[in-house]
Amino acid sequence: MISEKNGKRYTPRFKFQVVMEVLSGTKAIGQIARSYGVHPLTLTHWKKEFIEKGPEIFSQQTTIQEYEKRIEELERLIGHKEVEIALLKNFLAGGSPRGKKLS
């Protein structure tokens, strides 16, 4: 995500660290912005986004649904692989002449 006009990119960990410092209230946003080299409006945007999306972090229901979806996908893939294996076994068993020598 491009956060400034000059195209700087910040890692999620960096954003989290800075937002936590903003939320601690020990320093003004302007001071924190200067110390990290980030525009104060960018920090305000990160803080707002963090507060709005915070409940999603603690939502177990979303996590459970994601895991259930992934499990379904993996079960489907296993089913396809089992069918492929059965077809290959049948092909190999029926396709190789037993007891006959090739001359």
PDB file of N, CA and C in Angstrom:
ATOM      1  N   MET A   1       0.842  -1.179   0.000  1.00  0.00           N
ATOM      2  CA  MET A   1       0.000   0.000   0.000  1.00  0.00           C
ATOM      3  C   MET A   1       0.887   1.242   0.000  1.00  0.00           C
ATOM      4  N   ILE A   2       0.664   2.129  -0.910  1.00  0.00           N
ATOM      5  CA  ILE A   2       1.431   3.367  -0.973  1.00  0.00           C
ATOM      6  C   ILE A   2       0.807   4.332   0.022  1.00  0.00           C
ATOM      7  N   SER A   3       1.645   4.837   0.921  1.00  0.00           N
ATOM      8  CA  SER A   3       1.117   5.657   1.998  1.00  0.00           C
ATOM      9  C   SER A   3       1.405   7.130   1.850  1.00  0.00           C
ATOM     10  N   GLU A   4       2.323   7.495   0.990  1.00  0.00           N
ATOM     11  CA  GLU A   4       2.651   8.901   0.792  1.00  0.00           C
ATOM     12  C   GLU A   4       2.818   9.178  -0.679  1.00  0.00           C
ATOM     13  N   LYS A   5       2.871  10.468  -1.024  1.00  0.00           N
ATOM     14  CA  LYS A   5       3.027  10.857  -2.418  1.00  0.00           C
ATOM     15  C   LYS A   5       4.348  10.377  -2.991  1.00  0.00           C
ATOM     16  N   ASN A   6       5.375  10.273  -2.149  1.00  0.00           N
ATOM     17  CA  ASN A   6       6.687   9.865  -2.650  1.00  0.00           C
ATOM     18  C   ASN A   6       6.789   8.356  -2.838  1.00  0.00           C
ATOM     19  N   GLY A   7       5.726   7.624  -2.583  1.00  0.00           N
ATOM     20  CA  GLY A   7       5.699   6.200  -2.868  1.00  0.00           C
ATOM     21  C   GLY A   7       6.327   5.321  -1.799  1.00  0.00           C
ATOM     22  N   LYS A   8       6.545   5.828  -0.587  1.00  0.00           N
ATOM     23  CA  LYS A   8       7.097   4.988   0.477  1.00  0.00           C
ATOM     24  C   LYS A   8       6.109   3.886   0.810  1.00  0.00           C
ATOM     25  N   ARG A   9       6.649   2.734   1.099  1.00  0.00           N
ATOM     26  CA  ARG A   9       5.818   1.606   1.511  1.00  0.00           C
ATOM     27  C   ARG A   9       6.225   1.214   2.924  1.00  0.00           C
ATOM     28  N   TYR A  10       5.242   0.882   3.728  1.00  0.00           N
ATOM     29  CA  TYR A  10       5.497   0.525   5.116  1.00  0.00           C
ATOM     30  C   TYR A  10       4.941  -0.872   5.382  1.00  0.00           C
ATOM     31  N   THR A  11       5.661  -1.641   6.164  1.00  0.00           N
ATOM     32  CA  THR A  11       5.215  -2.989   6.496  1.00  0.00           C
ATOM     33  C   THR A  11       4.073  -2.909   7.511  1.00  0.00           C
ATOM     34  N   PRO A  12       3.247  -3.938   7.544  1.00  0.00           N
ATOM     35  CA  PRO A  12       2.175  -3.957   8.547  1.00  0.00           C
ATOM     36  C   PRO A  12       2.727  -3.874   9.972  1.00  0.00           C
ATOM     37  N   ARG A  13       3.858  -4.525  10.220  1.00  0.00           N
ATOM     38  CA  ARG A  13       4.459  -4.498  11.556  1.00  0.00           C
ATOM     39  C   ARG A  13       4.854  -3.062  11.935  1.00  0.00           C
ATOM     40  N   PHE A  14       5.446  -2.337  10.978  1.00  0.00           N
ATOM     41  CA  PHE A  14       5.851  -0.956  11.221  1.00  0.00           C
ATOM     42  C   PHE A  14       4.630  -0.098  11.538  1.00  0.00           C
ATOM     43  N   LYS A  15       3.574  -0.255  10.723  1.00  0.00           N
ATOM     44  CA  LYS A  15       2.352   0.517  10.939  1.00  0.00           C
ATOM     45  C   LYS A  15       1.769   0.235  12.321  1.00  0.00           C
ATOM     46  N   PHE A  16       1.749  -1.042  12.682  1.00  0.00           N
ATOM     47  CA  PHE A  16       1.208  -1.430  13.983  1.00  0.00           C
ATOM     48  C   PHE A  16       2.008  -0.781  15.108  1.00  0.00           C
ATOM     49  N   GLN A  17       3.318  -0.834  15.004  1.00  0.00           N
ATOM     50  CA  GLN A  17       4.194  -0.259  16.027  1.00  0.00           C
ATOM     51  C   GLN A  17       3.920   1.236  16.187  1.00  0.00           C
ATOM     52  N   VAL A  18       3.832   1.936  15.069  1.00  0.00           N
ATOM     53  CA  VAL A  18       3.611   3.380  15.107  1.00  0.00           C
ATOM     54  C   VAL A  18       2.222   3.697  15.666  1.00  0.00           C
ATOM     55  N   VAL A  19       1.207   2.968  15.228  1.00  0.00           N
ATOM     56  CA  VAL A  19      -0.155   3.212  15.715  1.00  0.00           C
ATOM     57  C   VAL A  19      -0.240   2.940  17.216  1.00  0.00           C
ATOM     58  N   MET A  20       0.421   1.914  17.690  1.00  0.00           N
ATOM     59  CA  MET A  20       0.409   1.627  19.121  1.00  0.00           C
ATOM     60  C   MET A  20       1.029   2.787  19.902  1.00  0.00           C
ATOM     61  N   GLU A  21       2.071   3.369  19.354  1.00  0.00           N
ATOM     62  CA  GLU A  21       2.685   4.522  20.007  1.00  0.00           C
ATOM     63  C   GLU A  21       1.734   5.719  19.995  1.00  0.00           C
ATOM     64  N   VAL A  22       1.026   5.908  18.894  1.00  0.00           N
ATOM     65  CA  VAL A  22       0.044   6.994  18.817  1.00  0.00           C
ATOM     66  C   VAL A  22      -1.048   6.776  19.865  1.00  0.00           C
ATOM     67  N   LEU A  23      -1.536   5.536  19.959  1.00  0.00           N
ATOM     68  CA  LEU A  23      -2.617   5.232  20.903  1.00  0.00           C
ATOM     69  C   LEU A  23      -2.176   5.333  22.358  1.00  0.00           C
ATOM     70  N   SER A  24      -0.897   5.156  22.616  1.00  0.00           N
ATOM     71  CA  SER A  24      -0.418   5.239  23.995  1.00  0.00           C
ATOM     72  C   SER A  24      -0.588   6.642  24.556  1.00  0.00           C
ATOM     73  N   GLY A  25      -0.565   7.650  23.669  1.00  0.00           N
ATOM     74  CA  GLY A  25      -0.798   9.023  24.088  1.00  0.00           C
ATOM     75  C   GLY A  25       0.365   9.676  24.806  1.00  0.00           C
ATOM     76  N   THR A  26       1.528   9.055  24.803  1.00  0.00           N
ATOM     77  CA  THR A  26       2.681   9.643  25.488  1.00  0.00           C
ATOM     78  C   THR A  26       3.299  10.796  24.714  1.00  0.00           C
ATOM     79  N   LYS A  27       3.096  10.802  23.398  1.00  0.00           N
ATOM     80  CA  LYS A  27       3.620  11.867  22.545  1.00  0.00           C
ATOM     81  C   LYS A  27       2.511  12.336  21.614  1.00  0.00           C
ATOM     82  N   ALA A  28       2.673  13.544  21.111  1.00  0.00           N
ATOM     83  CA  ALA A  28       1.725  14.066  20.122  1.00  0.00           C
ATOM     84  C   ALA A  28       1.960  13.381  18.777  1.00  0.00           C
ATOM     85  N   ILE A  29       0.920  13.331  17.965  1.00  0.00           N
ATOM     86  CA  ILE A  29       1.033  12.702  16.642  1.00  0.00           C
ATOM     87  C   ILE A  29       2.146  13.345  15.832  1.00  0.00           C
ATOM     88  N   GLY A  30       2.268  14.651  15.914  1.00  0.00           N
ATOM     89  CA  GLY A  30       3.319  15.353  15.176  1.00  0.00           C
ATOM     90  C   GLY A  30       4.711  14.889  15.572  1.00  0.00           C
ATOM     91  N   GLN A  31       4.924  14.677  16.866  1.00  0.00           N
ATOM     92  CA  GLN A  31       6.225  14.204  17.342  1.00  0.00           C
ATOM     93  C   GLN A  31       6.514  12.795  16.825  1.00  0.00           C
ATOM     94  N   ILE A  32       5.525  11.951  16.916  1.00  0.00           N
ATOM     95  CA  ILE A  32       5.690  10.564  16.455  1.00  0.00           C
ATOM     96  C   ILE A  32       5.942  10.551  14.953  1.00  0.00           C
ATOM     97  N   ALA A  33       5.202  11.362  14.225  1.00  0.00           N
ATOM     98  CA  ALA A  33       5.362  11.433  12.768  1.00  0.00           C
ATOM     99  C   ALA A  33       6.781  11.846  12.413  1.00  0.00           C
ATOM    100  N   ARG A  34       7.292  12.865  13.089  1.00  0.00           N
ATOM    101  CA  ARG A  34       8.673  13.309  12.813  1.00  0.00           C
ATOM    102  C   ARG A  34       9.689  12.226  13.157  1.00  0.00           C
ATOM    103  N   SER A  35       9.494  11.550  14.279  1.00  0.00           N
ATOM    104  CA  SER A  35      10.477  10.549  14.694  1.00  0.00           C
ATOM    105  C   SER A  35      10.530   9.347  13.747  1.00  0.00           C
ATOM    106  N   TYR A  36       9.408   9.040  13.091  1.00  0.00           N
ATOM    107  CA  TYR A  36       9.376   7.913  12.154  1.00  0.00           C
ATOM    108  C   TYR A  36       9.449   8.348  10.692  1.00  0.00           C
ATOM    109  N   GLY A  37       9.414   9.632  10.449  1.00  0.00           N
ATOM    110  CA  GLY A  37       9.475  10.120   9.074  1.00  0.00           C
ATOM    111  C   GLY A  37       8.214   9.847   8.283  1.00  0.00           C
ATOM    112  N   VAL A  38       7.071   9.930   8.966  1.00  0.00           N
ATOM    113  CA  VAL A  38       5.767   9.674   8.342  1.00  0.00           C
ATOM    114  C   VAL A  38       4.917  10.931   8.501  1.00  0.00           C
ATOM    115  N   HIS A  39       4.139  11.253   7.498  1.00  0.00           N
ATOM    116  CA  HIS A  39       3.278  12.435   7.561  1.00  0.00           C
ATOM    117  C   HIS A  39       2.213  12.231   8.643  1.00  0.00           C
ATOM    118  N   PRO A  40       1.906  13.271   9.417  1.00  0.00           N
ATOM    119  CA  PRO A  40       0.878  13.155  10.465  1.00  0.00           C
ATOM    120  C   PRO A  40      -0.484  12.703   9.951  1.00  0.00           C
ATOM    121  N   LEU A  41      -0.866  13.119   8.747  1.00  0.00           N
ATOM    122  CA  LEU A  41      -2.150  12.677   8.188  1.00  0.00           C
ATOM    123  C   LEU A  41      -2.148  11.173   7.905  1.00  0.00           C
ATOM    124  N   THR A  42      -0.985  10.667   7.528  1.00  0.00           N
ATOM    125  CA  THR A  42      -0.858   9.231   7.299  1.00  0.00           C
ATOM    126  C   THR A  42      -1.073   8.486   8.613  1.00  0.00           C
ATOM    127  N   LEU A  43      -0.472   8.996   9.688  1.00  0.00           N
ATOM    128  CA  LEU A  43      -0.662   8.367  11.003  1.00  0.00           C
ATOM    129  C   LEU A  43      -2.131   8.409  11.430  1.00  0.00           C
ATOM    130  N   THR A  44      -2.782   9.519  11.164  1.00  0.00           N
ATOM    131  CA  THR A  44      -4.199   9.640  11.497  1.00  0.00           C
ATOM    132  C   THR A  44      -5.014   8.606  10.721  1.00  0.00           C
ATOM    133  N   HIS A  45      -4.672   8.421   9.449  1.00  0.00           N
ATOM    134  CA  HIS A  45      -5.367   7.425   8.623  1.00  0.00           C
ATOM    135  C   HIS A  45      -5.126   6.019   9.163  1.00  0.00           C
ATOM    136  N   TRP A  46      -3.874   5.693   9.509  1.00  0.00           N
ATOM    137  CA  TRP A  46      -3.550   4.366  10.056  1.00  0.00           C
ATOM    138  C   TRP A  46      -4.302   4.119  11.358  1.00  0.00           C
ATOM    139  N   LYS A  47      -4.350   5.126  12.212  1.00  0.00           N
ATOM    140  CA  LYS A  47      -5.043   4.999  13.497  1.00  0.00           C
ATOM    141  C   LYS A  47      -6.526   4.720  13.270  1.00  0.00           C
ATOM    142  N   LYS A  48      -7.140   5.487  12.375  1.00  0.00           N
ATOM    143  CA  LYS A  48      -8.563   5.303  12.070  1.00  0.00           C
ATOM    144  C   LYS A  48      -8.821   3.896  11.534  1.00  0.00           C
ATOM    145  N   GLU A  49      -7.975   3.455  10.612  1.00  0.00           N
ATOM    146  CA  GLU A  49      -8.123   2.116  10.026  1.00  0.00           C
ATOM    147  C   GLU A  49      -7.964   1.036  11.090  1.00  0.00           C
ATOM    148  N   PHE A  50      -7.007   1.211  11.971  1.00  0.00           N
ATOM    149  CA  PHE A  50      -6.766   0.251  13.041  1.00  0.00           C
ATOM    150  C   PHE A  50      -7.982   0.150  13.963  1.00  0.00           C
ATOM    151  N   ILE A  51      -8.529   1.290  14.337  1.00  0.00           N
ATOM    152  CA  ILE A  51      -9.684   1.303  15.234  1.00  0.00           C
ATOM    153  C   ILE A  51     -10.912   0.693  14.553  1.00  0.00           C
ATOM    154  N   GLU A  52     -11.109   0.989  13.268  1.00  0.00           N
ATOM    155  CA  GLU A  52     -12.262   0.439  12.546  1.00  0.00           C
ATOM    156  C   GLU A  52     -12.155  -1.066  12.344  1.00  0.00           C
ATOM    157  N   LYS A  53     -10.953  -1.565  12.081  1.00  0.00           N
ATOM    158  CA  LYS A  53     -10.784  -2.990  11.785  1.00  0.00           C
ATOM    159  C   LYS A  53     -10.405  -3.802  13.005  1.00  0.00           C
ATOM    160  N   GLY A  54     -10.226  -3.169  14.129  1.00  0.00           N
ATOM    161  CA  GLY A  54      -9.840  -3.862  15.356  1.00  0.00           C
ATOM    162  C   GLY A  54     -10.736  -5.031  15.720  1.00  0.00           C
ATOM    163  N   PRO A  55     -12.065  -4.854  15.676  1.00  0.00           N
ATOM    164  CA  PRO A  55     -12.938  -5.962  16.049  1.00  0.00           C
ATOM    165  C   PRO A  55     -12.746  -7.213  15.176  1.00  0.00           C
ATOM    166  N   GLU A  56     -12.350  -7.028  13.927  1.00  0.00           N
ATOM    167  CA  GLU A  56     -12.132  -8.173  13.038  1.00  0.00           C
ATOM    168  C   GLU A  56     -10.993  -9.042  13.539  1.00  0.00           C
ATOM    169  N   ILE A  57     -10.016  -8.420  14.167  1.00  0.00           N
ATOM    170  CA  ILE A  57      -8.860  -9.157  14.669  1.00  0.00           C
ATOM    171  C   ILE A  57      -9.298 -10.164  15.725  1.00  0.00           C
ATOM    172  N   PHE A  58     -10.265  -9.776  16.537  1.00  0.00           N
ATOM    173  CA  PHE A  58     -10.705 -10.622  17.634  1.00  0.00           C
ATOM    174  C   PHE A  58     -11.908 -11.482  17.287  1.00  0.00           C
ATOM    175  N   SER A  59     -12.333 -11.453  16.050  1.00  0.00           N
ATOM    176  CA  SER A  59     -13.495 -12.225  15.631  1.00  0.00           C
ATOM    177  C   SER A  59     -13.093 -13.662  15.349  1.00  0.00           C
ATOM    178  N   GLN A  60     -13.415 -14.539  16.259  1.00  0.00           N
ATOM    179  CA  GLN A  60     -13.116 -15.956  16.062  1.00  0.00           C
ATOM    180  C   GLN A  60     -13.986 -16.555  14.981  1.00  0.00           C
ATOM    181  N   GLN A  61     -15.191 -16.043  14.823  1.00  0.00           N
ATOM    182  CA  GLN A  61     -16.108 -16.588  13.826  1.00  0.00           C
ATOM    183  C   GLN A  61     -15.507 -16.495  12.435  1.00  0.00           C
ATOM    184  N   THR A  62     -14.902 -15.369  12.115  1.00  0.00           N
ATOM    185  CA  THR A  62     -14.273 -15.204  10.806  1.00  0.00           C
ATOM    186  C   THR A  62     -13.157 -16.217  10.633  1.00  0.00           C
ATOM    187  N   THR A  63     -12.352 -16.389  11.660  1.00  0.00           N
ATOM    188  CA  THR A  63     -11.238 -17.329  11.592  1.00  0.00           C
ATOM    189  C   THR A  63     -11.752 -18.750  11.412  1.00  0.00           C
ATOM    190  N   ILE A  64     -12.778 -19.118  12.149  1.00  0.00           N
ATOM    191  CA  ILE A  64     -13.337 -20.468  12.044  1.00  0.00           C
ATOM    192  C   ILE A  64     -13.882 -20.698  10.638  1.00  0.00           C
ATOM    193  N   GLN A  65     -14.585 -19.726  10.095  1.00  0.00           N
ATOM    194  CA  GLN A  65     -15.128 -19.861   8.746  1.00  0.00           C
ATOM    195  C   GLN A  65     -14.007 -20.015   7.718  1.00  0.00           C
ATOM    196  N   GLU A  66     -12.923 -19.277   7.881  1.00  0.00           N
ATOM    197  CA  GLU A  66     -11.799 -19.398   6.956  1.00  0.00           C
ATOM    198  C   GLU A  66     -11.191 -20.795   7.026  1.00  0.00           C
ATOM    199  N   TYR A  67     -11.028 -21.327   8.244  1.00  0.00           N
ATOM    200  CA  TYR A  67     -10.473 -22.673   8.398  1.00  0.00           C
ATOM    201  C   TYR A  67     -11.409 -23.725   7.822  1.00  0.00           C
ATOM    202  N   GLU A  68     -12.726 -23.573   8.053  1.00  0.00           N
ATOM    203  CA  GLU A  68     -13.682 -24.537   7.518  1.00  0.00           C
ATOM    204  C   GLU A  68     -13.664 -24.528   5.993  1.00  0.00           C
ATOM    205  N   LYS A  69     -13.562 -23.349   5.404  1.00  0.00           N
ATOM    206  CA  LYS A  69     -13.495 -23.240   3.945  1.00  0.00           C
ATOM    207  C   LYS A  69     -12.233 -23.922   3.426  1.00  0.00           C
ATOM    208  N   ARG A  70     -11.121 -23.712   4.107  1.00  0.00           N
ATOM    209  CA  ARG A  70      -9.849 -24.321   3.696  1.00  0.00           C
ATOM    210  C   ARG A  70      -9.916 -25.844   3.827  1.00  0.00           C
ATOM    211  N   ILE A  71     -10.539 -26.341   4.893  1.00  0.00           N
ATOM    212  CA  ILE A  71     -10.691 -27.785   5.085  1.00  0.00           C
ATOM    213  C   ILE A  71     -11.520 -28.389   3.958  1.00  0.00           C
ATOM    214  N   GLU A  72     -12.630 -27.723   3.603  1.00  0.00           N
ATOM    215  CA  GLU A  72     -13.464 -28.205   2.503  1.00  0.00           C
ATOM    216  C   GLU A  72     -12.670 -28.279   1.203  1.00  0.00           C
ATOM    217  N   GLU A  73     -11.875 -27.252   0.955  1.00  0.00           N
ATOM    218  CA  GLU A  73     -11.062 -27.222  -0.258  1.00  0.00           C
ATOM    219  C   GLU A  73     -10.050 -28.372  -0.265  1.00  0.00           C
ATOM    220  N   LEU A  74      -9.408 -28.610   0.857  1.00  0.00           N
ATOM    221  CA  LEU A  74      -8.421 -29.698   0.939  1.00  0.00           C
ATOM    222  C   LEU A  74      -9.089 -31.066   0.807  1.00  0.00           C
ATOM    223  N   GLU A  75     -10.282 -31.231   1.407  1.00  0.00           N
ATOM    224  CA  GLU A  75     -11.004 -32.495   1.270  1.00  0.00           C
ATOM    225  C   GLU A  75     -11.374 -32.752  -0.185  1.00  0.00           C
ATOM    226  N   ARG A  76     -11.766 -31.699  -0.890  1.00  0.00           N
ATOM    227  CA  ARG A  76     -12.109 -31.834  -2.312  1.00  0.00           C
ATOM    228  C   ARG A  76     -10.868 -32.258  -3.110  1.00  0.00           C
ATOM    229  N   LEU A  77      -9.731 -31.637  -2.806  1.00  0.00           N
ATOM    230  CA  LEU A  77      -8.498 -31.998  -3.506  1.00  0.00           C
ATOM    231  C   LEU A  77      -8.101 -33.442  -3.226  1.00  0.00           C
ATOM    232  N   ILE A  78      -8.275 -33.881  -1.993  1.00  0.00           N
ATOM    233  CA  ILE A  78      -7.968 -35.275  -1.649  1.00  0.00           C
ATOM    234  C   ILE A  78      -8.865 -36.215  -2.438  1.00  0.00           C
ATOM    235  N   GLY A  79     -10.139 -35.865  -2.537  1.00  0.00           N
ATOM    236  CA  GLY A  79     -11.071 -36.693  -3.315  1.00  0.00           C
ATOM    237  C   GLY A  79     -10.633 -36.811  -4.764  1.00  0.00           C
ATOM    238  N   HIS A  80     -10.211 -35.711  -5.357  1.00  0.00           N
ATOM    239  CA  HIS A  80      -9.737 -35.745  -6.751  1.00  0.00           C
ATOM    240  C   HIS A  80      -8.500 -36.623  -6.880  1.00  0.00           C
ATOM    241  N   LYS A  81      -7.605 -36.509  -5.920  1.00  0.00           N
ATOM    242  CA  LYS A  81      -6.370 -37.310  -5.978  1.00  0.00           C
ATOM    243  C   LYS A  81      -6.683 -38.795  -5.816  1.00  0.00           C
ATOM    244  N   GLU A  82      -7.646 -39.134  -4.965  1.00  0.00           N
ATOM    245  CA  GLU A  82      -8.034 -40.531  -4.794  1.00  0.00           C
ATOM    246  C   GLU A  82      -8.591 -41.094  -6.089  1.00  0.00           C
ATOM    247  N   VAL A  83      -9.388 -40.315  -6.791  1.00  0.00           N
ATOM    248  CA  VAL A  83      -9.937 -40.747  -8.080  1.00  0.00           C
ATOM    249  C   VAL A  83      -8.800 -40.942  -9.082  1.00  0.00           C
ATOM    250  N   GLU A  84      -7.866 -40.010  -9.136  1.00  0.00           N
ATOM    251  CA  GLU A  84      -6.730 -40.128 -10.049  1.00  0.00           C
ATOM    252  C   GLU A  84      -5.911 -41.378  -9.752  1.00  0.00           C
ATOM    253  N   ILE A  85      -5.673 -41.640  -8.473  1.00  0.00           N
ATOM    254  CA  ILE A  85      -4.898 -42.821  -8.084  1.00  0.00           C
ATOM    255  C   ILE A  85      -5.625 -44.096  -8.499  1.00  0.00           C
ATOM    256  N   ALA A  86      -6.934 -44.155  -8.274  1.00  0.00           N
ATOM    257  CA  ALA A  86      -7.718 -45.338  -8.652  1.00  0.00           C
ATOM    258  C   ALA A  86      -7.671 -45.544 -10.164  1.00  0.00           C
ATOM    259  N   LEU A  87      -7.802 -44.470 -10.928  1.00  0.00           N
ATOM    260  CA  LEU A  87      -7.740 -44.588 -12.384  1.00  0.00           C
ATOM    261  C   LEU A  87      -6.364 -45.072 -12.841  1.00  0.00           C
ATOM    262  N   LEU A  88      -5.327 -44.548 -12.250  1.00  0.00           N
ATOM    263  CA  LEU A  88      -3.975 -44.972 -12.624  1.00  0.00           C
ATOM    264  C   LEU A  88      -3.730 -46.432 -12.262  1.00  0.00           C
ATOM    265  N   LYS A  89      -4.223 -46.871 -11.109  1.00  0.00           N
ATOM    266  CA  LYS A  89      -4.074 -48.275 -10.715  1.00  0.00           C
ATOM    267  C   LYS A  89      -4.796 -49.180 -11.713  1.00  0.00           C
ATOM    268  N   ASN A  90      -6.011 -48.782 -12.087  1.00  0.00           N
ATOM    269  CA  ASN A  90      -6.761 -49.577 -13.065  1.00  0.00           C
ATOM    270  C   ASN A  90      -6.043 -49.604 -14.409  1.00  0.00           C
ATOM    271  N   PHE A  91      -5.517 -48.477 -14.822  1.00  0.00           N
ATOM    272  CA  PHE A  91      -4.793 -48.400 -16.084  1.00  0.00           C
ATOM    273  C   PHE A  91      -3.570 -49.296 -16.061  1.00  0.00           C
ATOM    274  N   LEU A  92      -2.805 -49.224 -14.980  1.00  0.00           N
ATOM    275  CA  LEU A  92      -1.592 -50.032 -14.875  1.00  0.00           C
ATOM    276  C   LEU A  92      -1.912 -51.520 -14.778  1.00  0.00           C
ATOM    277  N   ALA A  93      -2.957 -51.857 -14.044  1.00  0.00           N
ATOM    278  CA  ALA A  93      -3.328 -53.265 -13.898  1.00  0.00           C
ATOM    279  C   ALA A  93      -3.863 -53.827 -15.208  1.00  0.00           C
ATOM    280  N   GLY A  94      -4.652 -53.072 -15.928  1.00  0.00           N
ATOM    281  CA  GLY A  94      -5.247 -53.552 -17.173  1.00  0.00           C
ATOM    282  C   GLY A  94      -4.344 -53.362 -18.369  1.00  0.00           C
ATOM    283  N   GLY A  95      -3.425 -52.458 -18.314  1.00  0.00           N
ATOM    284  CA  GLY A  95      -2.612 -52.112 -19.459  1.00  0.00           C
ATOM    285  C   GLY A  95      -1.335 -52.923 -19.590  1.00  0.00           C
ATOM    286  N   SER A  96      -0.926 -53.594 -18.521  1.00  0.00           N
ATOM    287  CA  SER A  96       0.311 -54.380 -18.630  1.00  0.00           C
ATOM    288  C   SER A  96      -0.028 -55.846 -18.779  1.00  0.00           C
ATOM    289  N   PRO A  97       0.411 -56.461 -19.862  1.00  0.00           N
ATOM    290  CA  PRO A  97       0.119 -57.885 -20.086  1.00  0.00           C
ATOM    291  C   PRO A  97       0.935 -58.723 -19.119  1.00  0.00           C
ATOM    292  N   ARG A  98       0.253 -59.491 -18.265  1.00  0.00           N
ATOM    293  CA  ARG A  98       0.944 -60.321 -17.267  1.00  0.00           C
ATOM    294  C   ARG A  98       1.224 -61.694 -17.872  1.00  0.00           C
ATOM    295  N   GLY A  99       2.385 -62.130 -17.594  1.00  0.00           N
ATOM    296  CA  GLY A  99       2.740 -63.466 -18.044  1.00  0.00           C
ATOM    297  C   GLY A  99       3.137 -63.539 -19.514  1.00  0.00           C
ATOM    298  N   LYS A 100       2.988 -62.474 -20.264  1.00  0.00           N
ATOM    299  CA  LYS A 100       3.351 -62.489 -21.671  1.00  0.00           C
ATOM    300  C   LYS A 100       4.650 -61.723 -21.848  1.00  0.00           C
ATOM    301  N   LYS A 101       5.524 -62.288 -22.617  1.00  0.00           N
ATOM    302  CA  LYS A 101       6.780 -61.625 -22.885  1.00  0.00           C
ATOM    303  C   LYS A 101       6.710 -60.910 -24.223  1.00  0.00           C
ATOM    304  N   LEU A 102       7.311 -59.764 -24.256  1.00  0.00           N
ATOM    305  CA  LEU A 102       7.373 -59.044 -25.507  1.00  0.00           C
ATOM    306  C   LEU A 102       8.548 -59.572 -26.312  1.00  0.00           C
ATOM    307  N   SER A 103       8.370 -59.862 -27.596  1.00  0.00           N
ATOM    308  CA  SER A 103       9.451 -60.389 -28.422  1.00  0.00           C
ATOM    309  C   SER A 103       9.954 -59.363 -29.366  1.00  0.00           C
TER     310      SER A 103
END
